[in-house]
Amino acid sequence: MTNRQSPVRKIAINLLLVLAPIILCIASLSIGRYQISTQEVIRVLISPVFPDAAADITEIAKQLILRVRLPRVLAALLIGASFGSTGTAFQAIFKNPLVDSNILGVTSGAGFGAALALLFLFNNWQVQGLAFVFGLVAVFLSFLGSRLYKTAPILVLTLMGILVGTLFSSLTSLLKYIADPLDTLPAITFWLLGSLASVTWARITLLAIITLLGVIFFILIRWQLNILSLGDKEAASLGIDPVKMKFIIIVVATLMTASAVSTSGVIGWVGLVIPHLGRLLVGPNHKRLLPVSISLGVSFMIVLDSIARALLPGEIPLGVLTGIMGVPLLILLLRRSRTGW
């Protein structure tokens, strides 16, 4: 059944999806133990262009916004866009509403890489680098394993992703078992729970480059996702090489997911829940669904990160929040859509 919308509702949804990330970003910059008004946030943000705009604002507030909160909010924005777009793409090419970008083991691989780096007390750059590399290794192993079987390639690839993810999860548990319980183990555990507390301008450079290029790629090929979701035979009859296109999509999505996980740690549910919410708003047409999923992913991550650092005296891990909020939200969405997608 098509999702028909009145022109007024369509315009209202589009306007909301454009404005919501902007409003939430500004609001998030003002939230914290050191309260800063929204007006002061805006004045500080435009101060590089108009220096007099923030002349009467304290230096502490300026540094807090520009050096602490702004890179963190931008990281949440990029990670939300990454999970929203890759989750939508994976559900299309796998023709399964219960998969996301972690299905091929990238999160488990990245978690193992980070745990390995933390076990040997490497610095933040090396932790992020090893997490990124092992995330790619996990997907490569999944793809390599799927090539051993010629029948049902997507089903076998999904199965191999689950197996490789389980393998790396077990290896991570082994590293936690042998880690120093007073020093290294807490660091590994906290990283695996997900957080943006240690994000700096330097750490989001790679994330920004890969995410922006990946989002542009998905925006350009979003109409092909409609065709790929119909099946390989239909895609081939319409002039698309399904094997080649799916391979490219998986490579791009893997790079985006690995860069996101290596920056934030393990954060689940976003890439699974957001596409369902997008379909409820605009329907299954990926020409509209993909941009909507990106906007919703950005908004969702910014809200979660704001709650994580402001709700309690200590920071709440993002992975905990996504599970607490993601499960009931997905149940509600499945109830509203009556499990259709």
C-alpha atoms as a PDB file:
ATOM      1  CA  MET A   1       0.000   0.000   0.000  1.00  0.00           C
ATOM      2  CA  THR A   2       1.441   3.377  -0.934  1.00  0.00           C
ATOM      3  CA  ASN A   3       1.983   6.025   1.683  1.00  0.00           C
ATOM      4  CA  ARG A   4      -0.073   8.965   0.352  1.00  0.00           C
ATOM      5  CA  GLN A   5       0.430  12.346   1.986  1.00  0.00           C
ATOM      6  CA  SER A   6      -1.279  15.670   1.516  1.00  0.00           C
ATOM      7  CA  PRO A   7       0.930  18.473   0.138  1.00  0.00           C
ATOM      8  CA  VAL A   8       0.607  20.412   3.407  1.00  0.00           C
ATOM      9  CA  ARG A   9       1.728  17.422   5.493  1.00  0.00           C
ATOM     10  CA  LYS A  10       4.595  16.735   3.120  1.00  0.00           C
ATOM     11  CA  ILE A  11       5.826  20.328   3.363  1.00  0.00           C
ATOM     12  CA  ALA A  12       5.462  20.296   7.158  1.00  0.00           C
ATOM     13  CA  ILE A  13       7.460  17.056   7.466  1.00  0.00           C
ATOM     14  CA  ASN A  14      10.201  18.324   5.139  1.00  0.00           C
ATOM     15  CA  LEU A  15      10.469  21.616   7.021  1.00  0.00           C
ATOM     16  CA  LEU A  16      10.605  19.849  10.372  1.00  0.00           C
ATOM     17  CA  LEU A  17      13.280  17.424   9.191  1.00  0.00           C
ATOM     18  CA  VAL A  18      15.446  20.291   7.924  1.00  0.00           C
ATOM     19  CA  LEU A  19      15.049  22.520  10.979  1.00  0.00           C
ATOM     20  CA  ALA A  20      15.107  19.850  13.706  1.00  0.00           C
ATOM     21  CA  PRO A  21      18.850  18.991  13.462  1.00  0.00           C
ATOM     22  CA  ILE A  22      19.794  22.695  13.434  1.00  0.00           C
ATOM     23  CA  ILE A  23      17.621  23.529  16.448  1.00  0.00           C
ATOM     24  CA  LEU A  24      18.791  20.463  18.359  1.00  0.00           C
ATOM     25  CA  CYS A  25      22.466  21.248  17.665  1.00  0.00           C
ATOM     26  CA  ILE A  26      22.114  24.756  19.090  1.00  0.00           C
ATOM     27  CA  ALA A  27      20.097  23.490  22.060  1.00  0.00           C
ATOM     28  CA  SER A  28      22.666  20.762  22.758  1.00  0.00           C
ATOM     29  CA  LEU A  29      25.478  23.323  22.854  1.00  0.00           C
ATOM     30  CA  SER A  30      23.682  25.166  25.640  1.00  0.00           C
ATOM     31  CA  ILE A  31      23.010  22.048  27.743  1.00  0.00           C
ATOM     32  CA  GLY A  32      25.432  20.965  30.450  1.00  0.00           C
ATOM     33  CA  ARG A  33      26.541  21.550  33.994  1.00  0.00           C
ATOM     34  CA  TYR A  34      27.806  24.967  32.931  1.00  0.00           C
ATOM     35  CA  GLN A  35      24.624  26.535  31.608  1.00  0.00           C
ATOM     36  CA  ILE A  36      24.936  28.796  28.572  1.00  0.00           C
ATOM     37  CA  SER A  37      21.966  30.554  26.997  1.00  0.00           C
ATOM     38  CA  THR A  38      20.942  29.845  23.416  1.00  0.00           C
ATOM     39  CA  GLN A  39      21.594  33.470  22.499  1.00  0.00           C
ATOM     40  CA  GLU A  40      25.154  33.250  23.817  1.00  0.00           C
ATOM     41  CA  VAL A  41      25.709  30.014  21.885  1.00  0.00           C
ATOM     42  CA  ILE A  42      24.649  31.649  18.615  1.00  0.00           C
ATOM     43  CA  ARG A  43      26.838  34.684  19.276  1.00  0.00           C
ATOM     44  CA  VAL A  44      29.872  32.497  20.007  1.00  0.00           C
ATOM     45  CA  LEU A  45      29.267  30.432  16.849  1.00  0.00           C
ATOM     46  CA  ILE A  46      29.260  33.531  14.639  1.00  0.00           C
ATOM     47  CA  SER A  47      32.171  35.159  16.486  1.00  0.00           C
ATOM     48  CA  PRO A  48      34.842  33.821  14.057  1.00  0.00           C
ATOM     49  CA  VAL A  49      33.145  35.907  11.352  1.00  0.00           C
ATOM     50  CA  PHE A  50      31.867  38.740  13.574  1.00  0.00           C
ATOM     51  CA  PRO A  51      34.356  39.056  16.482  1.00  0.00           C
ATOM     52  CA  ASP A  52      32.352  41.755  18.261  1.00  0.00           C
ATOM     53  CA  ALA A  53      29.311  39.504  18.575  1.00  0.00           C
ATOM     54  CA  ALA A  54      30.795  37.652  21.567  1.00  0.00           C
ATOM     55  CA  ALA A  55      32.861  40.458  23.055  1.00  0.00           C
ATOM     56  CA  ASP A  56      31.022  40.417  26.413  1.00  0.00           C
ATOM     57  CA  ILE A  57      30.896  36.621  26.800  1.00  0.00           C
ATOM     58  CA  THR A  58      33.357  35.013  29.215  1.00  0.00           C
ATOM     59  CA  GLU A  59      36.369  33.173  27.837  1.00  0.00           C
ATOM     60  CA  ILE A  60      35.308  30.023  29.712  1.00  0.00           C
ATOM     61  CA  ALA A  61      31.993  29.941  27.858  1.00  0.00           C
ATOM     62  CA  LYS A  62      33.705  30.481  24.508  1.00  0.00           C
ATOM     63  CA  GLN A  63      36.233  27.700  25.044  1.00  0.00           C
ATOM     64  CA  LEU A  64      33.568  25.361  26.401  1.00  0.00           C
ATOM     65  CA  ILE A  65      31.415  25.820  23.307  1.00  0.00           C
ATOM     66  CA  LEU A  66      34.109  25.854  20.629  1.00  0.00           C
ATOM     67  CA  ARG A  67      36.571  23.295  22.010  1.00  0.00           C
ATOM     68  CA  VAL A  68      34.494  20.909  24.108  1.00  0.00           C
ATOM     69  CA  ARG A  69      30.841  20.879  23.114  1.00  0.00           C
ATOM     70  CA  LEU A  70      30.986  21.759  19.411  1.00  0.00           C
ATOM     71  CA  PRO A  71      33.242  18.860  18.301  1.00  0.00           C
ATOM     72  CA  ARG A  72      31.116  16.503  20.396  1.00  0.00           C
ATOM     73  CA  VAL A  73      27.866  17.722  18.846  1.00  0.00           C
ATOM     74  CA  LEU A  74      29.363  17.513  15.348  1.00  0.00           C
ATOM     75  CA  ALA A  75      30.521  13.951  16.081  1.00  0.00           C
ATOM     76  CA  ALA A  76      26.971  13.036  17.166  1.00  0.00           C
ATOM     77  CA  LEU A  77      25.666  14.653  13.975  1.00  0.00           C
ATOM     78  CA  LEU A  78      28.054  12.713  11.748  1.00  0.00           C
ATOM     79  CA  ILE A  79      27.511   9.399  13.528  1.00  0.00           C
ATOM     80  CA  GLY A  80      23.736   9.820  13.374  1.00  0.00           C
ATOM     81  CA  ALA A  81      23.917  10.559   9.641  1.00  0.00           C
ATOM     82  CA  SER A  82      26.184   7.536   9.159  1.00  0.00           C
ATOM     83  CA  PHE A  83      23.963   5.075  11.031  1.00  0.00           C
ATOM     84  CA  GLY A  84      20.764   6.466   9.512  1.00  0.00           C
ATOM     85  CA  SER A  85      21.975   6.189   5.918  1.00  0.00           C
ATOM     86  CA  THR A  86      23.825   2.868   6.218  1.00  0.00           C
ATOM     87  CA  GLY A  87      20.985   1.211   8.136  1.00  0.00           C
ATOM     88  CA  THR A  88      18.534   2.233   5.425  1.00  0.00           C
ATOM     89  CA  ALA A  89      20.853   1.010   2.658  1.00  0.00           C
ATOM     90  CA  PHE A  90      21.498  -2.345   4.337  1.00  0.00           C
ATOM     91  CA  GLN A  91      17.802  -2.997   4.938  1.00  0.00           C
ATOM     92  CA  ALA A  92      17.210  -2.313   1.232  1.00  0.00           C
ATOM     93  CA  ILE A  93      19.903  -4.555  -0.230  1.00  0.00           C
ATOM     94  CA  PHE A  94      19.358  -7.365   2.297  1.00  0.00           C
ATOM     95  CA  LYS A  95      15.569  -7.017   1.934  1.00  0.00           C
ATOM     96  CA  ASN A  96      15.295  -7.449   5.689  1.00  0.00           C
ATOM     97  CA  PRO A  97      13.864  -4.876   8.146  1.00  0.00           C
ATOM     98  CA  LEU A  98      15.807  -6.366  11.056  1.00  0.00           C
ATOM     99  CA  VAL A  99      19.355  -5.704   9.862  1.00  0.00           C
ATOM    100  CA  ASP A 100      21.545  -2.660  10.156  1.00  0.00           C
ATOM    101  CA  SER A 101      25.124  -1.711   9.332  1.00  0.00           C
ATOM    102  CA  ASN A 102      26.439  -3.931  12.151  1.00  0.00           C
ATOM    103  CA  ILE A 103      25.142  -7.138  10.580  1.00  0.00           C
ATOM    104  CA  LEU A 104      28.504  -7.983   8.969  1.00  0.00           C
ATOM    105  CA  GLY A 105      30.457  -7.865  12.222  1.00  0.00           C
ATOM    106  CA  VAL A 106      31.989  -4.403  11.863  1.00  0.00           C
ATOM    107  CA  THR A 107      31.026  -3.345  15.399  1.00  0.00           C
ATOM    108  CA  SER A 108      32.401  -6.493  17.011  1.00  0.00           C
ATOM    109  CA  GLY A 109      35.604  -6.199  14.985  1.00  0.00           C
ATOM    110  CA  ALA A 110      36.042  -2.550  15.940  1.00  0.00           C
ATOM    111  CA  GLY A 111      35.396  -3.401  19.591  1.00  0.00           C
ATOM    112  CA  PHE A 112      38.100  -6.052  19.503  1.00  0.00           C
ATOM    113  CA  GLY A 113      40.566  -3.635  17.880  1.00  0.00           C
ATOM    114  CA  ALA A 114      39.920  -0.982  20.509  1.00  0.00           C
ATOM    115  CA  ALA A 115      40.169  -3.510  23.354  1.00  0.00           C
ATOM    116  CA  LEU A 116      43.465  -4.775  21.936  1.00  0.00           C
ATOM    117  CA  ALA A 117      44.856  -1.234  21.803  1.00  0.00           C
ATOM    118  CA  LEU A 118      43.643  -0.418  25.313  1.00  0.00           C
ATOM    119  CA  LEU A 119      45.126  -3.654  26.651  1.00  0.00           C
ATOM    120  CA  PHE A 120      48.574  -2.543  25.511  1.00  0.00           C
ATOM    121  CA  LEU A 121      47.942   1.026  26.720  1.00  0.00           C
ATOM    122  CA  PHE A 122      48.140   2.665  23.310  1.00  0.00           C
ATOM    123  CA  ASN A 123      47.134   6.320  22.889  1.00  0.00           C
ATOM    124  CA  ASN A 124      43.755   7.554  21.636  1.00  0.00           C
ATOM    125  CA  TRP A 125      44.867   7.769  18.011  1.00  0.00           C
ATOM    126  CA  GLN A 126      46.048   4.165  18.033  1.00  0.00           C
ATOM    127  CA  VAL A 127      42.842   2.996  19.737  1.00  0.00           C
ATOM    128  CA  GLN A 128      40.768   4.704  17.066  1.00  0.00           C
ATOM    129  CA  GLY A 129      43.025   3.410  14.285  1.00  0.00           C
ATOM    130  CA  LEU A 130      42.969  -0.233  15.428  1.00  0.00           C
ATOM    131  CA  ALA A 131      39.206  -0.086  15.929  1.00  0.00           C
ATOM    132  CA  PHE A 132      38.804   1.185  12.364  1.00  0.00           C
ATOM    133  CA  VAL A 133      41.146  -1.442  10.902  1.00  0.00           C
ATOM    134  CA  PHE A 134      39.603  -4.416  12.708  1.00  0.00           C
ATOM    135  CA  GLY A 135      36.115  -3.235  11.770  1.00  0.00           C
ATOM    136  CA  LEU A 136      37.168  -3.503   8.127  1.00  0.00           C
ATOM    137  CA  VAL A 137      38.869  -6.861   8.789  1.00  0.00           C
ATOM    138  CA  ALA A 138      35.643  -8.289  10.233  1.00  0.00           C
ATOM    139  CA  VAL A 139      33.638  -7.358   7.141  1.00  0.00           C
ATOM    140  CA  PHE A 140      36.389  -8.670   4.860  1.00  0.00           C
ATOM    141  CA  LEU A 141      36.284 -12.031   6.657  1.00  0.00           C
ATOM    142  CA  SER A 142      32.501 -12.111   6.353  1.00  0.00           C
ATOM    143  CA  PHE A 143      32.700 -11.428   2.637  1.00  0.00           C
ATOM    144  CA  LEU A 144      35.509 -13.953   2.172  1.00  0.00           C
ATOM    145  CA  GLY A 145      33.527 -16.631   3.978  1.00  0.00           C
ATOM    146  CA  SER A 146      30.447 -15.963   1.869  1.00  0.00           C
ATOM    147  CA  ARG A 147      32.452 -16.622  -1.312  1.00  0.00           C
ATOM    148  CA  LEU A 148      32.840 -20.260  -0.280  1.00  0.00           C
ATOM    149  CA  TYR A 149      29.205 -20.843  -1.169  1.00  0.00           C
ATOM    150  CA  LYS A 150      27.607 -19.990  -4.498  1.00  0.00           C
ATOM    151  CA  THR A 151      23.954 -20.295  -3.522  1.00  0.00           C
ATOM    152  CA  ALA A 152      21.932 -17.552  -1.748  1.00  0.00           C
ATOM    153  CA  PRO A 153      24.883 -15.123  -1.489  1.00  0.00           C
ATOM    154  CA  ILE A 154      23.034 -12.521   0.604  1.00  0.00           C
ATOM    155  CA  LEU A 155      21.791 -15.125   3.083  1.00  0.00           C
ATOM    156  CA  VAL A 156      25.261 -16.674   3.385  1.00  0.00           C
ATOM    157  CA  LEU A 157      26.846 -13.230   3.781  1.00  0.00           C
ATOM    158  CA  THR A 158      24.416 -12.430   6.599  1.00  0.00           C
ATOM    159  CA  LEU A 159      25.201 -15.736   8.287  1.00  0.00           C
ATOM    160  CA  MET A 160      28.949 -15.183   7.948  1.00  0.00           C
ATOM    161  CA  GLY A 161      28.553 -11.697   9.402  1.00  0.00           C
ATOM    162  CA  ILE A 162      26.833 -13.140  12.458  1.00  0.00           C
ATOM    163  CA  LEU A 163      29.527 -15.808  12.846  1.00  0.00           C
ATOM    164  CA  VAL A 164      32.414 -13.342  12.463  1.00  0.00           C
ATOM    165  CA  GLY A 165      30.734 -10.910  14.850  1.00  0.00           C
ATOM    166  CA  THR A 166      30.363 -13.675  17.427  1.00  0.00           C
ATOM    167  CA  LEU A 167      34.009 -14.648  16.977  1.00  0.00           C
ATOM    168  CA  PHE A 168      35.271 -11.105  17.579  1.00  0.00           C
ATOM    169  CA  SER A 169      32.902 -10.678  20.537  1.00  0.00           C
ATOM    170  CA  SER A 170      34.395 -13.805  22.088  1.00  0.00           C
ATOM    171  CA  LEU A 171      37.931 -12.550  21.445  1.00  0.00           C
ATOM    172  CA  THR A 172      37.014  -9.254  23.091  1.00  0.00           C
ATOM    173  CA  SER A 173      35.694 -11.152  26.122  1.00  0.00           C
ATOM    174  CA  LEU A 174      39.016 -12.999  26.273  1.00  0.00           C
ATOM    175  CA  LEU A 175      40.919  -9.695  26.295  1.00  0.00           C
ATOM    176  CA  LYS A 176      38.668  -8.414  29.080  1.00  0.00           C
ATOM    177  CA  TYR A 177      39.345 -11.590  31.043  1.00  0.00           C
ATOM    178  CA  ILE A 178      43.121 -11.121  30.941  1.00  0.00           C
ATOM    179  CA  ALA A 179      43.061  -7.317  31.358  1.00  0.00           C
ATOM    180  CA  ASP A 180      44.089  -5.597  34.587  1.00  0.00           C
ATOM    181  CA  PRO A 181      40.806  -5.325  36.563  1.00  0.00           C
ATOM    182  CA  LEU A 182      41.910  -2.104  38.270  1.00  0.00           C
ATOM    183  CA  ASP A 183      43.131  -0.200  35.222  1.00  0.00           C
ATOM    184  CA  THR A 184      42.679  -1.619  31.734  1.00  0.00           C
ATOM    185  CA  LEU A 185      39.403  -3.507  32.215  1.00  0.00           C
ATOM    186  CA  PRO A 186      37.358  -0.407  33.187  1.00  0.00           C
ATOM    187  CA  ALA A 187      38.749   1.469  30.150  1.00  0.00           C
ATOM    188  CA  ILE A 188      37.808  -1.383  27.793  1.00  0.00           C
ATOM    189  CA  THR A 189      34.359  -1.765  29.333  1.00  0.00           C
ATOM    190  CA  PHE A 190      33.577   1.948  29.151  1.00  0.00           C
ATOM    191  CA  TRP A 191      34.749   2.172  25.525  1.00  0.00           C
ATOM    192  CA  LEU A 192      32.561  -0.766  24.534  1.00  0.00           C
ATOM    193  CA  LEU A 193      29.535   0.940  26.113  1.00  0.00           C
ATOM    194  CA  GLY A 194      29.922   3.904  23.746  1.00  0.00           C
ATOM    195  CA  SER A 195      30.611   7.555  24.523  1.00  0.00           C
ATOM    196  CA  LEU A 196      31.552  10.864  22.893  1.00  0.00           C
ATOM    197  CA  ALA A 197      33.179  12.272  26.042  1.00  0.00           C
ATOM    198  CA  SER A 198      36.729  12.166  24.643  1.00  0.00           C
ATOM    199  CA  VAL A 199      35.938  13.515  21.163  1.00  0.00           C
ATOM    200  CA  THR A 200      38.167  16.366  19.983  1.00  0.00           C
ATOM    201  CA  TRP A 201      38.558  18.253  16.709  1.00  0.00           C
ATOM    202  CA  ALA A 202      41.472  16.025  15.720  1.00  0.00           C
ATOM    203  CA  ARG A 203      39.521  12.796  16.276  1.00  0.00           C
ATOM    204  CA  ILE A 204      36.577  13.719  14.048  1.00  0.00           C
ATOM    205  CA  THR A 205      38.630  14.590  10.955  1.00  0.00           C
ATOM    206  CA  LEU A 206      38.569  11.095   9.464  1.00  0.00           C
ATOM    207  CA  LEU A 207      34.967  10.609  10.574  1.00  0.00           C
ATOM    208  CA  ALA A 208      33.887  13.827   8.835  1.00  0.00           C
ATOM    209  CA  ILE A 209      35.621  13.017   5.541  1.00  0.00           C
ATOM    210  CA  ILE A 210      34.326   9.444   5.272  1.00  0.00           C
ATOM    211  CA  THR A 211      30.801  10.263   6.474  1.00  0.00           C
ATOM    212  CA  LEU A 212      30.298  13.253   4.178  1.00  0.00           C
ATOM    213  CA  LEU A 213      31.553  11.363   1.122  1.00  0.00           C
ATOM    214  CA  GLY A 214      29.454   8.331   2.056  1.00  0.00           C
ATOM    215  CA  VAL A 215      26.283  10.359   2.601  1.00  0.00           C
ATOM    216  CA  ILE A 216      26.757  12.079  -0.772  1.00  0.00           C
ATOM    217  CA  PHE A 217      27.191   8.672  -2.405  1.00  0.00           C
ATOM    218  CA  PHE A 218      23.993   7.289  -0.877  1.00  0.00           C
ATOM    219  CA  ILE A 219      22.036  10.415  -1.791  1.00  0.00           C
ATOM    220  CA  LEU A 220      23.142  10.047  -5.417  1.00  0.00           C
ATOM    221  CA  ILE A 221      22.230   6.332  -5.692  1.00  0.00           C
ATOM    222  CA  ARG A 222      19.137   6.319  -3.483  1.00  0.00           C
ATOM    223  CA  TRP A 223      16.848   5.631  -6.460  1.00  0.00           C
ATOM    224  CA  GLN A 224      18.842   2.454  -7.152  1.00  0.00           C
ATOM    225  CA  LEU A 225      18.070   1.221  -3.635  1.00  0.00           C
ATOM    226  CA  ASN A 226      14.413   1.006  -4.700  1.00  0.00           C
ATOM    227  CA  ILE A 227      15.391  -1.284  -7.567  1.00  0.00           C
ATOM    228  CA  LEU A 228      17.782  -3.417  -5.501  1.00  0.00           C
ATOM    229  CA  SER A 229      15.104  -3.961  -2.871  1.00  0.00           C
ATOM    230  CA  LEU A 230      12.935  -5.631  -5.536  1.00  0.00           C
ATOM    231  CA  GLY A 231      15.409  -8.465  -6.085  1.00  0.00           C
ATOM    232  CA  ASP A 232      18.403  -9.330  -8.252  1.00  0.00           C
ATOM    233  CA  LYS A 233      16.405 -10.431 -11.296  1.00  0.00           C
ATOM    234  CA  GLU A 234      14.336  -7.258 -11.377  1.00  0.00           C
ATOM    235  CA  ALA A 235      17.458  -5.116 -10.904  1.00  0.00           C
ATOM    236  CA  ALA A 236      19.285  -6.899 -13.730  1.00  0.00           C
ATOM    237  CA  SER A 237      16.294  -6.507 -16.051  1.00  0.00           C
ATOM    238  CA  LEU A 238      16.356  -2.754 -15.380  1.00  0.00           C
ATOM    239  CA  GLY A 239      20.026  -2.431 -16.310  1.00  0.00           C
ATOM    240  CA  ILE A 240      21.687  -2.562 -12.880  1.00  0.00           C
ATOM    241  CA  ASP A 241      24.386  -5.069 -11.974  1.00  0.00           C
ATOM    242  CA  PRO A 242      23.086  -6.121  -8.526  1.00  0.00           C
ATOM    243  CA  VAL A 243      26.247  -7.943  -7.410  1.00  0.00           C
ATOM    244  CA  LYS A 244      28.547  -5.041  -8.274  1.00  0.00           C
ATOM    245  CA  MET A 245      26.208  -2.409  -6.823  1.00  0.00           C
ATOM    246  CA  LYS A 246      25.673  -4.300  -3.582  1.00  0.00           C
ATOM    247  CA  PHE A 247      29.421  -4.783  -3.204  1.00  0.00           C
ATOM    248  CA  ILE A 248      30.025  -1.034  -3.606  1.00  0.00           C
ATOM    249  CA  ILE A 249      27.264  -0.204  -1.120  1.00  0.00           C
ATOM    250  CA  ILE A 250      28.660  -2.662   1.431  1.00  0.00           C
ATOM    251  CA  VAL A 251      32.185  -1.221   1.067  1.00  0.00           C
ATOM    252  CA  VAL A 252      30.989   2.382   1.503  1.00  0.00           C
ATOM    253  CA  ALA A 253      28.691   1.485   4.409  1.00  0.00           C
ATOM    254  CA  THR A 254      31.472  -0.496   6.093  1.00  0.00           C
ATOM    255  CA  LEU A 255      33.901   2.415   5.887  1.00  0.00           C
ATOM    256  CA  MET A 256      31.269   4.763   7.341  1.00  0.00           C
ATOM    257  CA  THR A 257      30.315   2.392  10.152  1.00  0.00           C
ATOM    258  CA  ALA A 258      33.915   1.560  11.036  1.00  0.00           C
ATOM    259  CA  SER A 259      34.841   5.252  11.258  1.00  0.00           C
ATOM    260  CA  ALA A 260      31.761   5.955  13.415  1.00  0.00           C
ATOM    261  CA  VAL A 261      32.358   3.053  15.799  1.00  0.00           C
ATOM    262  CA  SER A 262      36.076   3.814  16.073  1.00  0.00           C
ATOM    263  CA  THR A 263      35.158   7.337  17.216  1.00  0.00           C
ATOM    264  CA  SER A 264      32.244   6.661  19.559  1.00  0.00           C
ATOM    265  CA  GLY A 265      32.570   3.050  20.645  1.00  0.00           C
ATOM    266  CA  VAL A 266      29.764   0.528  20.306  1.00  0.00           C
ATOM    267  CA  ILE A 267      26.372   2.195  19.780  1.00  0.00           C
ATOM    268  CA  GLY A 268      23.553  -0.050  18.687  1.00  0.00           C
ATOM    269  CA  TRP A 269      19.926   0.269  17.571  1.00  0.00           C
ATOM    270  CA  VAL A 270      20.234   3.603  15.741  1.00  0.00           C
ATOM    271  CA  GLY A 271      20.702   2.082  12.292  1.00  0.00           C
ATOM    272  CA  LEU A 272      17.904  -0.396  13.007  1.00  0.00           C
ATOM    273  CA  VAL A 273      15.232   1.901  14.477  1.00  0.00           C
ATOM    274  CA  ILE A 274      15.672   5.058  12.391  1.00  0.00           C
ATOM    275  CA  PRO A 275      14.743   3.545   8.968  1.00  0.00           C
ATOM    276  CA  HIS A 276      11.508   2.179  10.490  1.00  0.00           C
ATOM    277  CA  LEU A 277      10.628   5.624  11.827  1.00  0.00           C
ATOM    278  CA  GLY A 278      11.418   7.127   8.432  1.00  0.00           C
ATOM    279  CA  ARG A 279       9.135   4.659   6.637  1.00  0.00           C
ATOM    280  CA  LEU A 280       6.328   5.512   9.039  1.00  0.00           C
ATOM    281  CA  LEU A 281       6.705   9.205   8.124  1.00  0.00           C
ATOM    282  CA  VAL A 282       7.296   9.131   4.360  1.00  0.00           C
ATOM    283  CA  GLY A 283       6.879   5.542   3.169  1.00  0.00           C
ATOM    284  CA  PRO A 284       9.332   3.051   1.617  1.00  0.00           C
ATOM    285  CA  ASN A 285      10.465   5.121  -1.383  1.00  0.00           C
ATOM    286  CA  HIS A 286      14.207   5.543  -0.825  1.00  0.00           C
ATOM    287  CA  LYS A 287      14.303   8.780  -2.809  1.00  0.00           C
ATOM    288  CA  ARG A 288      12.600  10.346   0.218  1.00  0.00           C
ATOM    289  CA  LEU A 289      13.368   7.750   2.867  1.00  0.00           C
ATOM    290  CA  LEU A 290      17.152   8.094   2.752  1.00  0.00           C
ATOM    291  CA  PRO A 291      17.294  11.895   3.375  1.00  0.00           C
ATOM    292  CA  VAL A 292      14.639  11.499   6.073  1.00  0.00           C
ATOM    293  CA  SER A 293      16.633   8.709   7.758  1.00  0.00           C
ATOM    294  CA  ILE A 294      19.739  10.902   7.744  1.00  0.00           C
ATOM    295  CA  SER A 295      17.856  13.773   9.385  1.00  0.00           C
ATOM    296  CA  LEU A 296      16.230  11.485  11.953  1.00  0.00           C
ATOM    297  CA  GLY A 297      19.544   9.769  12.705  1.00  0.00           C
ATOM    298  CA  VAL A 298      21.217  13.126  13.314  1.00  0.00           C
ATOM    299  CA  SER A 299      18.390  14.339  15.560  1.00  0.00           C
ATOM    300  CA  PHE A 300      18.241  11.062  17.489  1.00  0.00           C
ATOM    301  CA  MET A 301      21.979  10.986  18.211  1.00  0.00           C
ATOM    302  CA  ILE A 302      22.101  14.629  19.303  1.00  0.00           C
ATOM    303  CA  VAL A 303      19.194  14.101  21.698  1.00  0.00           C
ATOM    304  CA  LEU A 304      20.784  10.947  23.119  1.00  0.00           C
ATOM    305  CA  ASP A 305      24.162  12.592  23.618  1.00  0.00           C
ATOM    306  CA  SER A 306      22.547  15.580  25.350  1.00  0.00           C
ATOM    307  CA  ILE A 307      20.712  13.229  27.710  1.00  0.00           C
ATOM    308  CA  ALA A 308      23.887  11.207  28.304  1.00  0.00           C
ATOM    309  CA  ARG A 309      25.873  14.160  29.583  1.00  0.00           C
ATOM    310  CA  ALA A 310      23.147  16.150  31.343  1.00  0.00           C
ATOM    311  CA  LEU A 311      20.676  13.742  32.949  1.00  0.00           C
ATOM    312  CA  LEU A 312      22.875  12.431  35.794  1.00  0.00           C
ATOM    313  CA  PRO A 313      25.957  13.779  37.620  1.00  0.00           C
ATOM    314  CA  GLY A 314      28.065  11.166  35.825  1.00  0.00           C
ATOM    315  CA  GLU A 315      27.968  10.516  32.094  1.00  0.00           C
ATOM    316  CA  ILE A 316      25.640   7.761  30.889  1.00  0.00           C
ATOM    317  CA  PRO A 317      27.159   5.512  28.179  1.00  0.00           C
ATOM    318  CA  LEU A 318      25.465   6.024  24.821  1.00  0.00           C
ATOM    319  CA  GLY A 319      25.204   2.292  24.194  1.00  0.00           C
ATOM    320  CA  VAL A 320      23.095   1.950  27.327  1.00  0.00           C
ATOM    321  CA  LEU A 321      20.771   4.773  26.302  1.00  0.00           C
ATOM    322  CA  THR A 322      20.264   3.497  22.760  1.00  0.00           C
ATOM    323  CA  GLY A 323      19.235   0.110  24.128  1.00  0.00           C
ATOM    324  CA  ILE A 324      16.873   1.570  26.721  1.00  0.00           C
ATOM    325  CA  MET A 325      15.210   3.904  24.214  1.00  0.00           C
ATOM    326  CA  GLY A 326      15.644   1.857  21.051  1.00  0.00           C
ATOM    327  CA  VAL A 327      13.849  -1.323  22.126  1.00  0.00           C
ATOM    328  CA  PRO A 328      10.507   0.242  23.174  1.00  0.00           C
ATOM    329  CA  LEU A 329      10.661   2.642  20.220  1.00  0.00           C
ATOM    330  CA  LEU A 330      11.090  -0.214  17.749  1.00  0.00           C
ATOM    331  CA  ILE A 331       8.252  -2.166  19.374  1.00  0.00           C
ATOM    332  CA  LEU A 332       6.027   0.908  19.082  1.00  0.00           C
ATOM    333  CA  LEU A 333       6.989   1.438  15.439  1.00  0.00           C
ATOM    334  CA  LEU A 334       6.333  -2.195  14.554  1.00  0.00           C
ATOM    335  CA  ARG A 335       2.968  -1.899  16.268  1.00  0.00           C
ATOM    336  CA  ARG A 336       2.085   1.259  14.331  1.00  0.00           C
ATOM    337  CA  SER A 337       3.216  -0.170  10.993  1.00  0.00           C
ATOM    338  CA  ARG A 338       1.714  -3.602  11.822  1.00  0.00           C
ATOM    339  CA  THR A 339       5.124  -5.156  11.028  1.00  0.00           C
ATOM    340  CA  GLY A 340       4.959  -4.021   7.401  1.00  0.00           C
ATOM    341  CA  TRP A 341       7.881  -2.270   5.768  1.00  0.00           C
END
